[in-house]
Amino acid sequence: MQCNHVPLKLGGLKQALANQVAAVNDWTLQQLCDWVQTEHGIRVGVSTMWKTLARLGLSLKKSHSMPASKRVQM
């Protein structure tokens, strides 16, 4: 929670972020930061992006380091 009454940097991009995460949810946080800077001219760091996604209830798909055929199934 932000107590200093400063508007959130990405507060106005809720729908744009939701649409982008839905379209390419295998991106990294850094790729999403780069997209926001390119498309909307707002430069943010990975921690700001992570906190914003959490606040909006959005998440990125987790990548696995091994191919699916090598992962242990439980």
Foldseek 3Di string as FASTA:
>chain_A
DDDPPDDQLCVVCLVVLVVVCVVALQDQLVVVQVCCCVPPVGHDDSVSSVVVCVVSVHHGDDDDPDPPVPDDDD
